[in-house]
């Protein structure tokens, strides 16, 4: 029997088990019947289990073990419960807090999570309405639970949902924690028969508590404390004109309340996008990284004369800002640009005597401009692997070392200003970015003016990314082939620049190209390859951990904007050619 036939037999066996299961959820049963005869679709739904990692699991909604549905959620929760009972103390009493966003079936999956936890005797807290991801992170810490679960697929397309786990510190689970939870999940052999209690039983036994406004109020108190404005200035009405869009997600109430606390009174909301619509019907993608998401905000901003436009993704952990450029047109800042501006604003309004112990955190694919800014204020920069979980993990270490967290960010529009939450927080970022725009407006400058002041001081740092989507089983194999090809044929030059160092984070070593000497990289293993080039430029390749994509990041630093753009184009073209070979 051929290898391919063995795999086919395995998925068909699982498919038959689902199809013949008499108690299968009626909606899933109906959808499974519609898939009858579509071999490629069925194979993709049943050939493998939906992967669980540091970001939990995320996938297309529908029947099958490679899809998000009540059975894959129940299996994940069963494994999580078994893990918690071994690793944590007072699990049943401390419980797990659960939040959900505006996506299809999000609330249902939240309740399913509680139903399985209840069968283990573990108490659950569920927010009584949709909430942002950073509120879930904060709630873990506020309630003292052993874990948190967020039902979200962030900014993925409408057909996706996800199950994201937070540890007792309120941070995303680490790779080691994810591995242990994965092993516990695998011990549940049949996802269709996981034990659970009905919602009525949970409530009757005191195993389910619905969370109201208490945590929101506590969070908003903390949020007011991140302001760099004086107490007197906080009370003054602000002139800044703002347009805000929550992109059909969860940020609407908290962002508006956060701005109101600081007396930002001129806020216009894109009302069509304030509706919690799981189809995200007014945008191609509900992702503030993609500039089309700001189309309606730009229209409203043009009408109102707004100084800045604010956009948050559906679960409110990412923030995008558009500001007026030199020509007066709205241009969306990149995540690197906005992060650099916020870092500079925070540091210029911090007590210099306290900065010696301060630490700025960024990922290995985030602009080096942040390091330059931090250096100028005497603040040490620490690099982490890609993913805010690693920033959260490092903050937790600071609790023991006594170092002070002052700011953390990643290029993909994720920022954390204060560590009362332990994940990227678009609500915090929206408030501090608005305050920053107010500060610069008082100086007669836009955010673009402020950005160019940073470039003039530190150099023209510019970054871009190639993102290639490769879906399904075949796509996963192609992504693996690209990474294998890059490792098999190490590069010595890219786009006319010599490679000085090659960093393979899976092997955990950095190699000097001129001498072939190696040194260890003091970071966890990750499927990432990065090349440092001879003029401070760099390129980095990594598969996405949450989407069927391979990403290539490019960064440069030149003496002028034009030179930077030219260098960026050359490197992107070279990497596109290289990737196409594999």
Protein backbone atom coordinates (compact mmCIF):
# COMPACT_ATOMS: atom_id res chain seq x y z
CA UNK A 1 0.00 0.00 0.00
CA UNK A 2 1.33 3.45 -0.93
CA UNK A 3 1.94 6.10 1.70
CA UNK A 4 -0.75 8.38 0.25
CA UNK A 5 -3.32 5.58 0.43
CA UNK A 6 -2.60 5.05 4.14
CA UNK A 7 -3.27 8.70 4.88
CA UNK A 8 -6.48 8.58 2.82
CA UNK A 9 -7.66 5.52 4.73
CA UNK A 10 -7.01 7.28 8.04
CA UNK A 11 -9.03 10.39 7.25
CA UNK A 12 -11.86 8.33 5.79
CA UNK A 13 -12.06 6.33 9.01
CA UNK A 14 -12.46 9.51 11.07
CA UNK A 15 -14.98 10.89 8.58
CA UNK A 16 -17.08 7.72 8.81
CA UNK A 17 -17.00 7.94 12.62
CA UNK A 18 -18.44 11.45 12.46
CA UNK A 19 -20.97 10.64 9.77
CA UNK A 20 -22.32 7.64 11.68
CA UNK A 21 -22.41 9.36 15.09
CA UNK A 22 -26.14 9.52 15.84
CA UNK A 23 -25.85 12.33 18.41
CA UNK A 24 -23.87 14.65 16.11
CA UNK A 25 -24.86 18.30 16.41
CA UNK A 26 -27.70 18.81 13.87
CA UNK A 27 -26.13 21.87 12.22
CA UNK A 28 -22.81 20.07 11.77
CA UNK A 29 -24.64 16.98 10.52
CA UNK A 30 -26.40 19.07 7.87
CA UNK A 31 -23.15 20.68 6.77
CA UNK A 32 -21.42 17.30 6.63
CA UNK A 33 -24.17 16.03 4.33
CA UNK A 34 -23.60 18.99 2.02
CA UNK A 35 -19.93 18.05 1.80
CA UNK A 36 -20.76 14.49 0.64
CA UNK A 37 -18.78 13.55 -2.45
CA UNK A 38 -16.37 16.50 -2.23
CA UNK A 39 -13.27 14.45 -1.59
CA UNK A 40 -10.78 17.33 -1.41
CA UNK A 41 -12.97 19.28 1.02
CA UNK A 42 -13.58 16.24 3.20
CA UNK A 43 -9.92 15.26 3.26
CA UNK A 44 -8.88 18.76 4.36
CA UNK A 45 -11.48 18.69 7.15
CA UNK A 46 -10.45 15.25 8.46
CA UNK A 47 -6.84 14.50 7.45
CA UNK A 48 -5.30 16.02 10.59
CA UNK A 49 -6.30 17.52 13.93
CA UNK A 50 -6.50 21.28 14.24
CA UNK A 51 -3.09 22.27 15.57
CA UNK A 52 -2.78 23.60 19.11
CA UNK A 53 0.14 25.90 19.89
CA UNK A 54 1.12 29.01 21.83
CA UNK A 55 -1.73 30.88 20.15
CA UNK A 56 -4.13 28.06 21.04
CA UNK A 57 -5.93 26.83 17.97
CA UNK A 58 -7.52 28.71 15.12
CA UNK A 59 -9.32 27.41 12.06
CA UNK A 60 -12.24 27.48 9.67
CA UNK A 61 -15.66 26.78 11.20
CA UNK A 62 -17.29 23.51 10.21
CA UNK A 63 -17.39 19.75 10.80
CA UNK A 64 -14.15 17.78 11.08
CA UNK A 65 -11.15 17.40 13.36
CA UNK A 66 -9.29 20.08 11.34
CA UNK A 67 -12.09 22.62 11.88
CA UNK A 68 -13.40 24.79 14.70
CA UNK A 69 -16.58 23.26 16.14
CA UNK A 70 -18.03 22.27 19.51
CA UNK A 71 -16.23 18.92 19.44
CA UNK A 72 -12.73 20.23 18.74
CA UNK A 73 -13.33 22.90 21.40
CA UNK A 74 -14.49 20.30 23.93
CA UNK A 75 -11.45 18.16 23.28
CA UNK A 76 -9.11 21.12 23.76
CA UNK A 77 -10.86 22.13 26.98
CA UNK A 78 -10.71 18.57 28.31
CA UNK A 79 -6.95 18.52 27.79
CA UNK A 80 -6.60 21.99 29.30
CA UNK A 81 -8.53 20.90 32.41
CA UNK A 82 -6.33 17.83 32.86
CA UNK A 83 -3.22 20.02 32.49
CA UNK A 84 -4.45 22.63 34.99
CA UNK A 85 -5.24 20.02 37.62
CA UNK A 86 -1.63 18.81 37.48
CA UNK A 87 0.16 22.14 37.14
CA UNK A 88 -1.82 24.59 39.29
CA UNK A 89 -3.11 24.77 42.86
CA UNK A 90 -6.71 25.34 44.00
CA UNK A 91 -7.85 24.88 40.40
CA UNK A 92 -11.52 24.18 41.14
CA UNK A 93 -11.99 27.20 43.38
CA UNK A 94 -9.86 29.69 41.43
CA UNK A 95 -11.41 28.67 38.14
CA UNK A 96 -10.99 29.90 34.58
CA UNK A 97 -12.23 33.18 33.08
CA UNK A 98 -13.62 33.11 29.54
CA UNK A 99 -14.24 35.93 27.05
CA UNK A 100 -15.38 36.00 23.45
CA UNK A 101 -15.53 38.38 20.50
CA UNK A 102 -18.04 39.16 17.74
CA UNK A 103 -17.40 36.12 15.53
CA UNK A 104 -19.79 33.37 14.56
CA UNK A 105 -20.33 30.90 17.44
CA UNK A 106 -18.00 32.78 19.80
CA UNK A 107 -20.47 32.89 22.67
CA UNK A 108 -21.45 29.26 22.05
CA UNK A 109 -17.81 28.14 22.24
CA UNK A 110 -17.38 30.15 25.46
CA UNK A 111 -20.27 28.26 27.04
CA UNK A 112 -18.98 24.93 25.69
CA UNK A 113 -15.67 25.70 27.40
CA UNK A 114 -17.47 26.21 30.73
CA UNK A 115 -19.52 23.03 30.23
CA UNK A 116 -16.42 20.85 29.92
CA UNK A 117 -14.58 22.61 32.74
CA UNK A 118 -17.68 22.08 34.89
CA UNK A 119 -17.53 18.34 34.29
CA UNK A 120 -14.09 18.50 35.93
CA UNK A 121 -15.48 20.48 38.86
CA UNK A 122 -13.69 23.66 37.70
CA UNK A 123 -15.52 26.96 38.08
CA UNK A 124 -15.87 29.32 35.11
CA UNK A 125 -16.39 33.06 34.79
CA UNK A 126 -17.84 34.20 31.45
CA UNK A 127 -18.28 37.83 30.42
CA UNK A 128 -21.95 38.54 29.82
CA UNK A 129 -21.20 40.24 26.50
CA UNK A 130 -18.36 40.31 23.99
CA UNK A 131 -15.08 41.76 25.26
CA UNK A 132 -11.59 42.61 23.96
CA UNK A 133 -8.74 40.14 24.34
CA UNK A 134 -6.72 42.47 26.63
CA UNK A 135 -9.69 42.54 29.04
CA UNK A 136 -9.42 38.75 29.26
CA UNK A 137 -5.73 39.09 30.08
CA UNK A 138 -6.53 41.67 32.75
CA UNK A 139 -9.42 39.59 34.12
CA UNK A 140 -7.13 36.60 34.79
CA UNK A 141 -5.00 38.81 37.00
CA UNK A 142 -7.94 40.66 38.58
CA UNK A 143 -9.86 37.49 39.50
CA UNK A 144 -6.78 35.39 40.29
CA UNK A 145 -7.90 32.52 38.07
CA UNK A 146 -5.60 29.66 37.04
CA UNK A 147 -6.10 30.42 33.36
CA UNK A 148 -8.09 32.36 30.81
CA UNK A 149 -9.68 31.38 27.51
CA UNK A 150 -10.40 33.85 24.71
CA UNK A 151 -12.68 32.76 21.88
CA UNK A 152 -11.40 34.74 18.91
CA UNK A 153 -9.71 34.46 15.54
CA UNK A 154 -8.43 38.03 15.82
CA UNK A 155 -8.42 39.58 12.32
CA UNK A 156 -8.79 36.35 10.30
CA UNK A 157 -11.57 36.14 7.66
CA UNK A 158 -15.21 35.64 8.80
CA UNK A 159 -15.18 31.87 8.33
CA UNK A 160 -12.57 31.47 11.10
CA UNK A 161 -12.76 31.26 14.86
CA UNK A 162 -10.25 30.31 17.52
CA UNK A 163 -9.55 29.16 21.06
CA UNK A 164 -6.74 31.02 22.82
CA UNK A 165 -5.36 30.10 26.26
CA UNK A 166 -3.80 32.43 28.83
CA UNK A 167 -1.75 31.33 31.83
CA UNK A 168 -2.29 32.44 35.43
CA UNK A 169 -0.10 35.51 34.87
CA UNK A 170 -2.51 36.74 32.19
CA UNK A 171 -0.04 36.15 29.38
CA UNK A 172 -0.39 33.92 26.34
CA UNK A 173 0.86 30.44 27.12
CA UNK A 174 4.54 29.81 26.47
CA UNK A 175 5.89 27.10 24.13
CA UNK A 176 6.56 24.75 27.04
CA UNK A 177 3.07 25.29 28.44
CA UNK A 178 1.58 24.78 24.98
CA UNK A 179 3.51 21.52 24.54
CA UNK A 180 2.24 20.20 27.88
CA UNK A 181 -1.35 21.18 27.07
CA UNK A 182 -1.03 19.58 23.64
CA UNK A 183 0.09 16.30 25.19
CA UNK A 184 -2.89 16.43 27.57
CA UNK A 185 -5.25 17.10 24.66
CA UNK A 186 -3.90 14.12 22.74
CA UNK A 187 -4.88 11.78 25.59
CA UNK A 188 -8.54 12.46 24.78
CA UNK A 189 -9.06 9.86 22.06
CA UNK A 190 -12.64 10.65 21.01
CA UNK A 191 -13.60 14.29 20.59
CA UNK A 192 -17.25 13.32 20.07
CA UNK A 193 -17.76 11.89 23.58
CA UNK A 194 -16.01 14.37 25.88
CA UNK A 195 -17.99 14.64 29.17
CA UNK A 196 -19.73 17.96 29.88
CA UNK A 197 -22.46 19.47 32.03
CA UNK A 198 -25.38 21.45 30.67
CA UNK A 199 -25.45 25.18 31.32
CA UNK A 200 -28.38 24.86 33.73
CA UNK A 201 -26.42 22.33 35.81
CA UNK A 202 -23.39 24.63 35.92
CA UNK A 203 -25.43 27.56 37.17
CA UNK A 204 -27.30 25.42 39.71
CA UNK A 205 -24.04 24.06 41.14
CA UNK A 206 -22.32 27.46 41.25
CA UNK A 207 -19.82 26.40 38.58
CA UNK A 208 -20.66 29.27 36.22
CA UNK A 209 -20.58 32.98 37.05
CA UNK A 210 -21.56 35.63 34.52
CA UNK A 211 -19.26 38.66 34.72
CA UNK A 212 -20.81 42.12 34.42
CA UNK A 213 -19.25 45.60 34.59
CA UNK A 214 -16.98 45.18 37.62
CA UNK A 215 -13.86 44.23 35.67
CA UNK A 216 -14.48 46.95 33.08
CA UNK A 217 -14.54 49.60 35.82
CA UNK A 218 -11.36 48.27 37.41
CA UNK A 219 -9.62 48.19 34.02
CA UNK A 220 -10.64 51.77 33.23
CA UNK A 221 -9.15 52.93 36.55
CA UNK A 222 -5.86 51.34 35.54
CA UNK A 223 -6.17 52.81 32.04
CA UNK A 224 -6.43 56.36 33.39
CA UNK A 225 -3.10 55.80 35.15
CA UNK A 226 -1.08 55.35 31.94
CA UNK A 227 -1.56 58.98 30.91
CA UNK A 228 1.52 61.20 30.72
CA UNK A 229 -0.59 64.34 31.05
CA UNK A 230 -0.58 66.30 34.29
CA UNK A 231 -3.64 65.97 36.49
CA UNK A 232 -4.71 69.51 35.55
CA UNK A 233 -4.33 68.89 31.83
CA UNK A 234 -6.29 65.66 32.01
CA UNK A 235 -9.28 67.71 33.14
CA UNK A 236 -9.10 70.18 30.24
CA UNK A 237 -11.16 69.65 27.07
CA UNK A 238 -8.92 68.72 24.14
CA UNK A 239 -8.97 70.27 20.68
CA UNK A 240 -7.91 67.10 18.87
CA UNK A 241 -10.40 65.84 16.28
CA UNK A 242 -10.62 62.03 16.19
CA UNK A 243 -12.37 59.39 14.07
CA UNK A 244 -12.65 55.90 15.55
CA UNK A 245 -13.66 52.57 14.01
CA UNK A 246 -13.79 49.29 15.96
CA UNK A 247 -14.12 47.38 12.64
CA UNK A 248 -17.22 45.46 13.78
CA UNK A 249 -15.45 44.24 16.90
CA UNK A 250 -15.19 44.62 20.66
CA UNK A 251 -13.32 47.88 21.32
CA UNK A 252 -16.15 50.42 20.96
CA UNK A 253 -17.17 50.99 24.58
CA UNK A 254 -13.80 50.81 26.29
CA UNK A 255 -11.93 53.01 23.82
CA UNK A 256 -14.61 55.70 24.02
CA UNK A 257 -14.68 55.54 27.82
CA UNK A 258 -10.88 55.63 27.96
CA UNK A 259 -10.76 58.75 25.79
CA UNK A 260 -13.58 60.38 27.73
CA UNK A 261 -11.63 59.93 30.98
CA UNK A 262 -8.99 62.26 29.53
CA UNK A 263 -11.58 64.68 28.13
CA UNK A 264 -11.11 63.93 24.44
CA UNK A 265 -14.53 65.19 23.44
CA UNK A 266 -14.29 65.38 19.66
CA UNK A 267 -14.59 61.69 18.74
CA UNK A 268 -16.64 60.64 15.72
CA UNK A 269 -17.36 56.92 15.34
CA UNK A 270 -17.79 55.16 12.01
CA UNK A 271 -21.27 54.00 12.92
CA UNK A 272 -21.55 51.37 10.18
CA UNK A 273 -18.46 49.68 11.63
CA UNK A 274 -19.57 50.02 15.26
CA UNK A 275 -22.01 47.14 14.64
CA UNK A 276 -20.76 43.76 15.89
CA UNK A 277 -21.00 42.03 12.52
CA UNK A 278 -19.30 38.60 12.24
CA UNK A 279 -19.23 39.00 8.45
CA UNK A 280 -17.18 42.22 8.74
CA UNK A 281 -19.31 43.30 5.82
CA UNK A 282 -17.87 46.79 5.24
CA UNK A 283 -14.25 45.69 4.82
CA UNK A 284 -12.29 43.19 2.77
CA UNK A 285 -10.43 42.27 5.96
CA UNK A 286 -11.01 43.56 9.52
CA UNK A 287 -7.29 44.11 9.98
CA UNK A 288 -5.93 47.60 10.67
CA UNK A 289 -2.62 46.42 9.17
CA UNK A 290 -4.36 46.49 5.78
CA UNK A 291 -5.03 50.05 4.71
CA UNK A 292 -8.36 49.28 3.02
CA UNK A 293 -9.81 48.83 6.51
CA UNK A 294 -9.56 52.63 6.91
CA UNK A 295 -11.58 53.51 3.80
CA UNK A 296 -14.74 54.53 5.67
CA UNK A 297 -12.76 56.22 8.45
CA UNK A 298 -10.94 58.31 5.85
CA UNK A 299 -14.27 59.37 4.33
CA UNK A 300 -15.60 60.43 7.74
CA UNK A 301 -12.32 62.08 8.70
CA UNK A 302 -12.37 64.14 5.52
CA UNK A 303 -15.86 65.34 6.39
CA UNK A 304 -15.05 66.20 10.01
CA UNK A 305 -11.50 67.49 9.58
CA UNK A 306 -10.09 64.82 11.88
CA UNK A 307 -6.46 65.01 12.97
CA UNK A 308 -6.14 61.24 13.40
CA UNK A 309 -8.08 58.10 12.57
CA UNK A 310 -8.05 55.13 14.98
CA UNK A 311 -8.87 51.54 13.99
CA UNK A 312 -8.90 48.42 16.16
CA UNK A 313 -9.19 44.81 15.02
CA UNK A 314 -12.20 42.68 16.10
CA UNK A 315 -10.73 41.43 19.38
CA UNK A 316 -9.07 44.79 20.11
CA UNK A 317 -5.50 43.69 20.57
CA UNK A 318 -4.18 45.50 17.47
CA UNK A 319 -4.31 49.21 16.69
CA UNK A 320 -3.84 51.14 13.47
CA UNK A 321 -3.55 54.93 13.19
CA UNK A 322 -3.89 57.14 10.14
CA UNK A 323 -2.60 60.72 10.27
CA UNK A 324 -2.25 63.56 7.82
CA UNK A 325 0.95 63.53 5.78
CA UNK A 326 2.81 66.48 4.25
CA UNK A 327 0.18 66.79 1.53
CA UNK A 328 -2.67 66.74 4.05
CA UNK A 329 -3.87 63.30 2.99
CA UNK A 330 -4.53 60.52 5.50
CA UNK A 331 -1.81 57.89 5.51
CA UNK A 332 -1.79 54.81 7.73
CA UNK A 333 1.30 54.53 9.89
CA UNK A 334 3.03 51.17 9.93
CA UNK A 335 3.21 49.24 13.17
CA UNK A 336 6.92 50.01 13.36
CA UNK A 337 6.34 53.74 12.89
CA UNK A 338 3.53 53.99 15.44
CA UNK A 339 5.49 51.90 17.94
CA UNK A 340 8.54 54.15 17.58
CA UNK A 341 6.42 57.28 18.06
CA UNK A 342 4.72 55.92 21.18
CA UNK A 343 8.03 54.76 22.64
CA UNK A 344 9.55 58.21 22.13
CA UNK A 345 6.48 59.92 23.62
CA UNK A 346 6.54 57.70 26.71
CA UNK A 347 10.28 58.10 27.27
CA UNK A 348 10.34 61.88 26.77
CA UNK A 349 7.63 62.12 29.45
CA UNK A 350 9.31 59.73 31.92
CA UNK A 351 11.53 60.61 34.85
CA UNK A 352 15.14 60.18 33.60
CA UNK A 353 16.20 59.00 37.05
CA UNK A 354 13.97 55.94 36.66
CA UNK A 355 15.04 54.93 33.15
CA UNK A 356 18.29 53.19 34.07
CA UNK A 357 16.35 50.14 35.22
CA UNK A 358 13.73 50.41 32.47
CA UNK A 359 13.45 47.83 29.69
CA UNK A 360 11.89 48.15 26.25
CA UNK A 361 10.79 44.90 24.61
CA UNK A 362 10.46 44.22 20.90
CA UNK A 363 10.50 41.20 18.62
CA UNK A 364 13.30 40.14 16.27
CA UNK A 365 11.28 41.28 13.23
CA UNK A 366 10.45 44.71 14.67
CA UNK A 367 12.29 47.82 13.45
CA UNK A 368 15.67 48.68 14.90
CA UNK A 369 14.50 52.30 15.19
CA UNK A 370 13.02 51.40 18.57
CA UNK A 371 16.43 50.33 19.84
CA UNK A 372 17.97 53.61 18.66
CA UNK A 373 15.30 55.63 20.46
CA UNK A 374 15.65 53.60 23.66
CA UNK A 375 19.44 53.97 23.54
CA UNK A 376 19.07 57.76 23.30
CA UNK A 377 17.19 57.75 26.62
CA UNK A 378 19.50 55.25 28.29
CA UNK A 379 16.94 52.45 28.18
CA UNK A 380 18.00 48.88 27.43
CA UNK A 381 16.24 47.01 24.60
CA UNK A 382 15.55 43.29 24.85
CA UNK A 383 14.62 41.27 21.75
CA UNK A 384 12.16 38.39 21.85
CA UNK A 385 10.92 35.91 19.31
CA UNK A 386 7.94 36.92 17.19
CA UNK A 387 4.67 36.84 19.09
CA UNK A 388 3.51 38.88 22.04
CA UNK A 389 3.53 35.77 24.23
CA UNK A 390 7.29 36.17 24.46
CA UNK A 391 6.98 39.81 25.52
CA UNK A 392 4.47 38.77 28.18
CA UNK A 393 6.81 36.01 29.36
CA UNK A 394 9.70 38.46 29.67
CA UNK A 395 7.55 40.88 31.73
CA UNK A 396 6.78 38.00 34.09
CA UNK A 397 10.52 37.46 34.53
CA UNK A 398 10.91 41.13 35.47
CA UNK A 399 8.71 40.44 38.50
CA UNK A 400 11.61 38.35 39.80
CA UNK A 401 14.58 40.37 38.49
CA UNK A 402 13.29 43.79 39.54
CA UNK A 403 13.67 45.27 36.06
CA UNK A 404 11.00 47.75 35.00
CA UNK A 405 8.86 47.24 31.92
CA UNK A 406 8.34 50.53 30.11
CA UNK A 407 6.97 49.59 26.66
CA UNK A 408 6.62 46.59 24.38
CA UNK A 409 5.66 46.31 20.73
CA UNK A 410 5.78 44.27 17.57
CA UNK A 411 5.59 45.30 13.92
CA UNK A 412 2.17 43.69 13.47
CA UNK A 413 0.36 46.56 15.24
CA UNK A 414 0.59 45.14 18.75
CA UNK A 415 1.57 47.41 21.68
CA UNK A 416 1.55 47.32 25.47
CA UNK A 417 2.02 50.50 27.49
CA UNK A 418 1.46 49.21 31.03
CA UNK A 419 1.74 45.65 32.32
CA UNK A 420 -1.56 45.51 34.20
CA UNK A 421 -2.48 43.51 31.08
CA UNK A 422 0.03 40.98 29.79
CA UNK A 423 -0.88 40.89 26.12
CA UNK A 424 -0.95 43.51 23.39
CA UNK A 425 -3.68 46.00 24.16
CA UNK A 426 -5.30 48.19 21.51
CA UNK A 427 -7.35 50.03 24.15
CA UNK A 428 -4.22 51.18 25.98
CA UNK A 429 -2.55 51.96 22.67
CA UNK A 430 -5.53 53.95 21.36
CA UNK A 431 -5.54 56.16 24.46
CA UNK A 432 -1.78 56.81 24.55
CA UNK A 433 -1.57 57.35 20.76
CA UNK A 434 -4.41 59.88 20.93
CA UNK A 435 -2.73 61.65 23.83
CA UNK A 436 0.50 61.68 21.82
CA UNK A 437 -1.25 63.25 18.82
CA UNK A 438 -2.68 65.89 21.18
CA UNK A 439 0.83 66.64 22.50
CA UNK A 440 2.29 67.09 19.03
CA UNK A 441 -0.64 69.18 17.84
CA UNK A 442 0.08 71.62 20.66
CA UNK A 443 3.61 71.87 19.23
CA UNK A 444 2.11 72.66 15.81
CA UNK A 445 3.07 69.26 14.41
CA UNK A 446 1.31 66.19 13.04
CA UNK A 447 2.37 62.64 13.85
CA UNK A 448 4.11 62.54 10.47
CA UNK A 449 6.12 65.61 11.44
CA UNK A 450 7.07 63.87 14.69
CA UNK A 451 8.05 60.71 12.79
CA UNK A 452 10.38 62.63 10.51
CA UNK A 453 12.02 64.25 13.51
CA UNK A 454 12.86 60.73 14.68
CA UNK A 455 14.22 59.82 11.22
CA UNK A 456 16.38 62.94 11.14
CA UNK A 457 17.79 62.11 14.55
CA UNK A 458 18.30 58.34 14.21
CA UNK A 459 18.31 57.50 10.48
CA UNK A 460 15.64 56.48 7.97
CA UNK A 461 14.57 53.07 9.19
CA UNK A 462 12.11 51.44 6.82
CA UNK A 463 10.51 48.03 6.82
CA UNK A 464 8.18 45.94 4.72
CA UNK A 465 6.88 42.39 4.54
CA UNK A 466 6.03 39.83 1.90
CA UNK A 467 3.18 37.55 2.96
CA UNK A 468 2.38 34.47 0.89
CA UNK A 469 -0.82 32.56 1.67
CA UNK A 470 -0.65 28.78 1.08
CA UNK A 471 -3.78 27.07 2.36
CA UNK A 472 -4.56 23.47 3.20
CA UNK A 473 -2.40 20.38 3.31
CA UNK A 474 -0.57 21.24 0.09
CA UNK A 475 0.10 24.76 1.35
CA UNK A 476 1.62 23.47 4.59
CA UNK A 477 3.92 21.22 2.58
CA UNK A 478 5.02 24.14 0.39
CA UNK A 479 5.80 26.31 3.41
CA UNK A 480 7.89 23.51 4.89
CA UNK A 481 9.71 23.11 1.55
CA UNK A 482 10.54 26.83 1.40
CA UNK A 483 12.06 26.81 4.90
CA UNK A 484 13.97 23.59 4.15
CA UNK A 485 15.28 25.08 0.90
CA UNK A 486 16.51 28.22 2.61
CA UNK A 487 18.41 26.15 5.17
CA UNK A 488 19.85 23.83 2.52
CA UNK A 489 21.23 26.70 0.45
CA UNK A 490 22.47 29.36 2.93
CA UNK A 491 22.69 32.83 1.44
CA UNK A 492 25.90 34.86 1.28
CA UNK A 493 24.44 37.96 -0.42
CA UNK A 494 20.96 39.41 -0.88
CA UNK A 495 20.01 42.26 -3.20
CA UNK A 496 23.62 43.30 -3.69
CA UNK A 497 24.45 43.32 0.03
CA UNK A 498 26.77 40.85 1.71
CA UNK A 499 25.39 38.68 4.50
CA UNK A 500 27.38 39.22 7.70
CA UNK A 501 25.48 36.85 10.00
CA UNK A 502 22.97 34.07 9.46
CA UNK A 503 20.68 33.31 12.40
CA UNK A 504 18.82 30.02 12.50
CA UNK A 505 16.47 30.09 15.47
CA UNK A 506 15.48 26.45 15.02
CA UNK A 507 19.11 25.40 15.39
CA UNK A 508 19.60 28.11 18.01
CA UNK A 509 22.79 29.51 16.54
CA UNK A 510 24.23 32.58 14.82
CA UNK A 511 26.92 32.04 12.17
CA UNK A 512 29.47 34.66 11.08
CA UNK A 513 29.68 34.25 7.31
CA UNK A 514 33.28 35.49 6.97
CA UNK A 515 34.72 33.06 9.54
CA UNK A 516 32.01 30.38 9.74
CA UNK A 517 32.20 30.69 13.54
CA UNK A 518 28.98 30.05 15.43
CA UNK A 519 27.55 31.25 18.72
CA UNK A 520 24.34 30.28 20.53
CA UNK A 521 21.20 32.41 20.34
CA UNK A 522 19.74 32.86 23.80
CA UNK A 523 16.11 32.47 22.72
CA UNK A 524 13.75 29.49 22.46
CA UNK A 525 13.78 27.36 19.32
CA UNK A 526 11.55 28.66 16.53
CA UNK A 527 11.24 27.95 12.81
CA UNK A 528 12.82 31.26 11.78
CA UNK A 529 15.83 32.21 9.63
CA UNK A 530 17.22 35.76 9.73
CA UNK A 531 20.07 37.30 7.73
CA UNK A 532 21.95 40.40 8.94
CA UNK A 533 23.47 42.37 6.07
CA UNK A 534 26.56 44.54 5.86
CA UNK A 535 24.91 47.98 6.12
CA UNK A 536 22.49 47.30 8.97
CA UNK A 537 19.79 45.91 6.70
CA UNK A 538 18.22 42.53 7.42
CA UNK A 539 15.72 39.97 6.12
CA UNK A 540 13.83 37.30 8.05
CA UNK A 541 11.69 34.33 7.00
CA UNK A 542 9.13 32.64 9.24
CA UNK A 543 5.88 30.68 8.83
CA UNK A 544 2.93 32.33 10.57
CA UNK A 545 1.82 30.62 13.75
CA UNK A 546 -1.85 31.57 13.32
CA UNK A 547 -2.49 31.75 9.57
CA UNK A 548 -1.61 29.58 6.51
CA UNK A 549 1.14 31.99 5.45
CA UNK A 550 4.87 32.30 5.14
CA UNK A 551 6.17 35.78 5.90
CA UNK A 552 9.35 37.50 4.79
CA UNK A 553 10.30 40.63 6.74
CA UNK A 554 12.72 43.22 5.36
CA UNK A 555 14.36 46.11 7.22
CA UNK A 556 16.80 48.81 6.12
CA UNK A 557 18.40 51.99 7.47
CA UNK A 558 19.69 54.69 5.13
CA UNK A 559 20.64 58.36 5.27
CA UNK A 560 17.59 59.51 3.29
CA UNK A 561 14.01 58.43 2.68
CA UNK A 562 14.64 57.88 -1.04
CA UNK A 563 17.70 55.73 -0.42
CA UNK A 564 15.76 53.71 2.11
CA UNK A 565 12.87 53.08 -0.29
CA UNK A 566 15.27 52.02 -3.06
CA UNK A 567 17.11 49.63 -0.77
CA UNK A 568 13.83 48.19 0.48
CA UNK A 569 12.65 47.56 -3.09
CA UNK A 570 15.91 45.81 -4.00
CA UNK A 571 15.76 43.48 -1.03
CA UNK A 572 12.08 42.65 -1.49
CA UNK A 573 12.65 41.83 -5.16
CA UNK A 574 15.59 39.60 -4.30
CA UNK A 575 13.58 37.71 -1.67
CA UNK A 576 10.57 37.29 -3.98
CA UNK A 577 12.86 35.70 -6.56
CA UNK A 578 14.45 33.46 -3.96
CA UNK A 579 11.15 32.24 -2.50
CA UNK A 580 9.73 31.51 -5.96
CA UNK A 581 12.62 29.07 -6.58
CA UNK A 582 11.32 26.82 -3.82
